[in-house]
């Protein structure tokens, strides 16, 4: 990540100042918790939130719809004043999502879901917009179907990011369409000059990348 942007300044997202050597393993562990038990989520989420806040983490505007707007403050929710381990699991996830500018609203698309491709019908009825972006990664192919292997050491790939506040309503059906060969995980994508955490469908067999095991 550090080779593709200038030195962080006051306007940069907090994870740029944290540095990729700390932020990337943190992001991958957070994404891995999505597929973990509720007990594991309750154990690890408070620790990850405290770690991010020790790096200066703060809520940021969603770059898919609010690129020109200032960061939004955390909204009060039931249990928000309680110790983190006592807060409801949904509240902990809400805090994590706000600290990452709502990655559940962003999907990196590198294959057949893109406009003009054969499976675009899966997302074409969802309101939203498409932004050009880049990620690090390598594509393998099974016929005409690409499989992404992401790593910060891989070459730069040009992709698109589909941005929509309606995506959370559709994740179950998109997950089902993608099937068991893919795992929906969190990675950083470079959008309009800055890195933003986004979801992507990654080849299950090559996740997590070497050296970044959660």
Protein backbone atom coordinates (compact mmCIF):
# COMPACT_ATOMS: atom_id res chain seq x y z
CA UNK A 1 0.00 0.00 0.00
CA UNK A 2 2.70 2.45 0.91
CA UNK A 3 4.22 2.41 -2.59
CA UNK A 4 1.07 3.76 -4.20
CA UNK A 5 0.27 6.89 -2.21
CA UNK A 6 1.98 9.93 -0.82
CA UNK A 7 2.71 10.31 2.86
CA UNK A 8 -0.51 10.46 4.91
CA UNK A 9 -1.82 13.86 5.89
CA UNK A 10 -4.66 15.13 8.08
CA UNK A 11 -7.20 14.35 5.37
CA UNK A 12 -6.08 10.75 4.82
CA UNK A 13 -8.11 7.88 6.30
CA UNK A 14 -6.81 6.73 9.67
CA UNK A 15 -5.61 3.39 8.28
CA UNK A 16 -3.09 5.14 6.04
CA UNK A 17 -1.43 6.61 9.13
CA UNK A 18 -1.63 3.20 10.88
CA UNK A 19 0.40 1.71 8.03
CA UNK A 20 -0.22 -1.48 6.04
CA UNK A 21 1.96 -3.67 8.25
CA UNK A 22 -0.57 -3.13 11.07
CA UNK A 23 -3.77 -2.40 9.19
CA UNK A 24 -3.84 -5.28 6.67
CA UNK A 25 -3.68 -8.13 9.24
CA UNK A 26 -6.27 -6.23 11.30
CA UNK A 27 -8.60 -5.91 8.29
CA UNK A 28 -8.23 -9.56 7.36
CA UNK A 29 -8.99 -10.71 10.89
CA UNK A 30 -12.07 -8.49 10.97
CA UNK A 31 -13.26 -10.00 7.69
CA UNK A 32 -12.55 -13.51 8.96
CA UNK A 33 -14.84 -12.88 11.93
CA UNK A 34 -17.78 -12.62 9.53
CA UNK A 35 -17.44 -16.38 9.03
CA UNK A 36 -16.73 -17.17 12.70
CA UNK A 37 -19.02 -18.17 15.54
CA UNK A 38 -20.89 -15.56 17.57
CA UNK A 39 -18.71 -16.49 20.55
CA UNK A 40 -15.54 -15.77 18.59
CA UNK A 41 -17.00 -12.48 17.37
CA UNK A 42 -17.84 -11.37 20.91
CA UNK A 43 -14.33 -12.26 22.04
CA UNK A 44 -12.35 -10.62 19.22
CA UNK A 45 -14.41 -7.65 18.03
CA UNK A 46 -13.91 -5.53 21.18
CA UNK A 47 -10.16 -6.15 20.99
CA UNK A 48 -10.02 -5.15 17.32
CA UNK A 49 -12.03 -1.99 17.97
CA UNK A 50 -9.74 -0.96 20.82
CA UNK A 51 -6.69 -1.64 18.67
CA UNK A 52 -8.03 0.50 15.82
CA UNK A 53 -8.86 3.36 18.18
CA UNK A 54 -5.33 3.23 19.57
CA UNK A 55 -4.22 4.05 16.00
CA UNK A 56 -6.53 7.06 15.86
CA UNK A 57 -9.46 5.35 14.14
CA UNK A 58 -12.48 7.60 13.63
CA UNK A 59 -15.73 7.36 11.68
CA UNK A 60 -15.41 8.38 8.03
CA UNK A 61 -17.85 9.24 5.26
CA UNK A 62 -18.79 6.45 2.89
CA UNK A 63 -16.75 7.15 -0.28
CA UNK A 64 -19.39 5.56 -2.46
CA UNK A 65 -21.92 8.31 -1.83
CA UNK A 66 -20.24 10.95 0.34
CA UNK A 67 -16.80 11.54 -1.16
CA UNK A 68 -17.18 15.31 -0.91
CA UNK A 69 -18.63 15.35 2.60
CA UNK A 70 -16.91 15.46 6.00
CA UNK A 71 -16.78 12.42 8.32
CA UNK A 72 -20.02 11.53 10.05
CA UNK A 73 -20.05 11.14 13.84
CA UNK A 74 -20.99 7.84 15.44
CA UNK A 75 -24.70 7.80 16.20
CA UNK A 76 -25.74 6.83 19.67
CA UNK A 77 -27.12 3.31 19.96
CA UNK A 78 -28.38 1.22 22.88
CA UNK A 79 -25.39 0.00 24.86
CA UNK A 80 -22.95 2.49 23.32
CA UNK A 81 -21.89 3.74 26.75
CA UNK A 82 -21.33 0.23 28.10
CA UNK A 83 -17.96 -1.56 28.21
CA UNK A 84 -17.34 -3.07 24.78
CA UNK A 85 -17.61 -6.69 25.92
CA UNK A 86 -21.08 -5.93 27.32
CA UNK A 87 -22.40 -4.29 24.16
CA UNK A 88 -24.66 -6.24 21.79
CA UNK A 89 -22.83 -7.91 18.95
CA UNK A 90 -24.80 -5.91 16.38
CA UNK A 91 -23.62 -2.68 18.02
CA UNK A 92 -19.98 -3.78 17.85
CA UNK A 93 -20.33 -4.54 14.15
CA UNK A 94 -22.00 -1.19 13.58
CA UNK A 95 -19.03 0.56 15.17
CA UNK A 96 -16.59 -1.45 13.04
CA UNK A 97 -18.55 -0.60 9.89
CA UNK A 98 -18.54 3.12 10.69
CA UNK A 99 -14.82 3.10 11.44
CA UNK A 100 -14.28 1.59 7.96
CA UNK A 101 -16.71 3.97 6.20
CA UNK A 102 -19.29 1.22 5.66
CA UNK A 103 -17.49 -1.38 3.54
CA UNK A 104 -20.76 -3.33 3.37
CA UNK A 105 -21.82 -0.69 0.82
CA UNK A 106 -18.90 -1.45 -1.54
CA UNK A 107 -18.21 -4.48 -3.72
CA UNK A 108 -15.05 -4.87 -5.80
CA UNK A 109 -16.02 -6.35 -9.17
CA UNK A 110 -13.35 -7.82 -11.42
CA UNK A 111 -15.35 -10.30 -13.52
CA UNK A 112 -18.77 -11.25 -14.79
CA UNK A 113 -20.86 -9.04 -12.44
CA UNK A 114 -19.57 -5.89 -14.16
CA UNK A 115 -21.75 -3.83 -16.54
CA UNK A 116 -21.85 -5.46 -19.96
CA UNK A 117 -20.75 -8.86 -18.65
CA UNK A 118 -22.81 -12.05 -18.69
CA UNK A 119 -23.79 -12.06 -15.00
CA UNK A 120 -24.44 -8.35 -14.52
CA UNK A 121 -28.13 -9.23 -14.09
CA UNK A 122 -27.30 -10.32 -10.52
CA UNK A 123 -26.75 -6.70 -9.43
CA UNK A 124 -28.25 -4.56 -12.20
CA UNK A 125 -31.52 -3.92 -10.34
CA UNK A 126 -29.73 -2.66 -7.21
CA UNK A 127 -29.56 1.17 -7.11
CA UNK A 128 -26.00 2.42 -6.88
CA UNK A 129 -23.04 3.69 -8.84
CA UNK A 130 -19.81 2.30 -10.26
CA UNK A 131 -16.38 3.76 -9.54
CA UNK A 132 -13.07 2.86 -11.20
CA UNK A 133 -10.53 1.49 -8.73
CA UNK A 134 -7.39 -0.57 -8.42
CA UNK A 135 -6.45 -3.44 -6.13
CA UNK A 136 -3.47 -5.71 -5.69
CA UNK A 137 -4.03 -9.22 -6.90
CA UNK A 138 -3.70 -12.03 -9.41
CA UNK A 139 -6.47 -13.57 -11.54
CA UNK A 140 -6.67 -17.26 -12.33
CA UNK A 141 -9.24 -18.51 -14.81
CA UNK A 142 -11.59 -21.44 -15.02
CA UNK A 143 -12.82 -21.10 -18.57
CA UNK A 144 -14.20 -17.56 -18.73
CA UNK A 145 -14.66 -17.29 -14.95
CA UNK A 146 -11.92 -15.38 -13.06
CA UNK A 147 -10.77 -16.21 -9.53
CA UNK A 148 -9.02 -13.51 -7.53
CA UNK A 149 -6.01 -14.15 -5.29
CA UNK A 150 -5.33 -10.94 -3.37
CA UNK A 151 -2.04 -9.99 -1.74
CA UNK A 152 -0.31 -6.65 -1.09
CA UNK A 153 2.68 -8.09 -2.96
CA UNK A 154 0.72 -8.79 -6.17
CA UNK A 155 0.61 -6.50 -9.26
CA UNK A 156 -1.97 -3.74 -9.59
CA UNK A 157 -5.29 -4.75 -11.17
CA UNK A 158 -7.85 -2.32 -12.58
CA UNK A 159 -11.33 -3.11 -11.24
CA UNK A 160 -14.66 -1.47 -10.58
CA UNK A 161 -16.31 -0.88 -7.23
CA UNK A 162 -20.08 -1.05 -7.05
CA UNK A 163 -21.26 1.36 -4.33
CA UNK A 164 -24.76 1.01 -2.91
CA UNK A 165 -26.36 1.45 0.49
CA UNK A 166 -28.75 -1.32 -0.63
CA UNK A 167 -26.06 -3.98 -0.91
CA UNK A 168 -26.58 -5.35 2.64
CA UNK A 169 -30.12 -6.36 1.65
CA UNK A 170 -28.71 -8.40 -1.25
CA UNK A 171 -25.60 -10.03 0.21
CA UNK A 172 -27.35 -13.38 0.89
CA UNK A 173 -28.51 -13.78 -2.72
CA UNK A 174 -25.16 -12.62 -4.16
CA UNK A 175 -23.30 -14.98 -1.80
CA UNK A 176 -25.55 -17.81 -2.97
CA UNK A 177 -24.94 -16.96 -6.62
CA UNK A 178 -21.15 -16.85 -6.17
CA UNK A 179 -21.22 -20.26 -4.49
CA UNK A 180 -18.81 -22.20 -2.33
CA UNK A 181 -15.72 -21.62 -4.50
CA UNK A 182 -15.64 -17.98 -3.38
CA UNK A 183 -15.39 -16.34 0.02
CA UNK A 184 -16.58 -12.75 0.56
CA UNK A 185 -13.72 -10.99 2.34
CA UNK A 186 -12.46 -7.48 3.11
CA UNK A 187 -9.57 -5.98 1.14
CA UNK A 188 -8.40 -2.42 0.43
CA UNK A 189 -9.24 -0.88 -2.96
CA UNK A 190 -7.80 2.39 -4.19
CA UNK A 191 -10.69 4.73 -5.05
CA UNK A 192 -10.17 8.33 -6.14
CA UNK A 193 -6.63 8.42 -4.80
CA UNK A 194 -7.15 6.76 -1.41
CA UNK A 195 -7.47 3.25 -0.03
CA UNK A 196 -10.91 2.13 1.17
CA UNK A 197 -11.92 -1.24 2.63
CA UNK A 198 -14.33 -3.08 0.34
CA UNK A 199 -15.81 -6.54 0.02
CA UNK A 200 -14.67 -8.82 -2.77
CA UNK A 201 -15.36 -12.41 -3.77
CA UNK A 202 -12.03 -14.18 -3.37
CA UNK A 203 -10.94 -17.69 -4.35
CA UNK A 204 -11.67 -19.66 -1.19
CA UNK A 205 -8.69 -21.97 -1.56
CA UNK A 206 -6.15 -19.12 -1.53
CA UNK A 207 -7.54 -17.15 1.43
CA UNK A 208 -5.99 -15.78 3.59
CA UNK A 209 -2.84 -14.64 1.79
CA UNK A 210 0.50 -15.90 3.14
CA UNK A 211 1.82 -13.91 6.06
CA UNK A 212 -1.55 -12.30 6.83
CA UNK A 213 -3.31 -15.19 8.57
CA UNK A 214 -5.97 -14.01 11.02
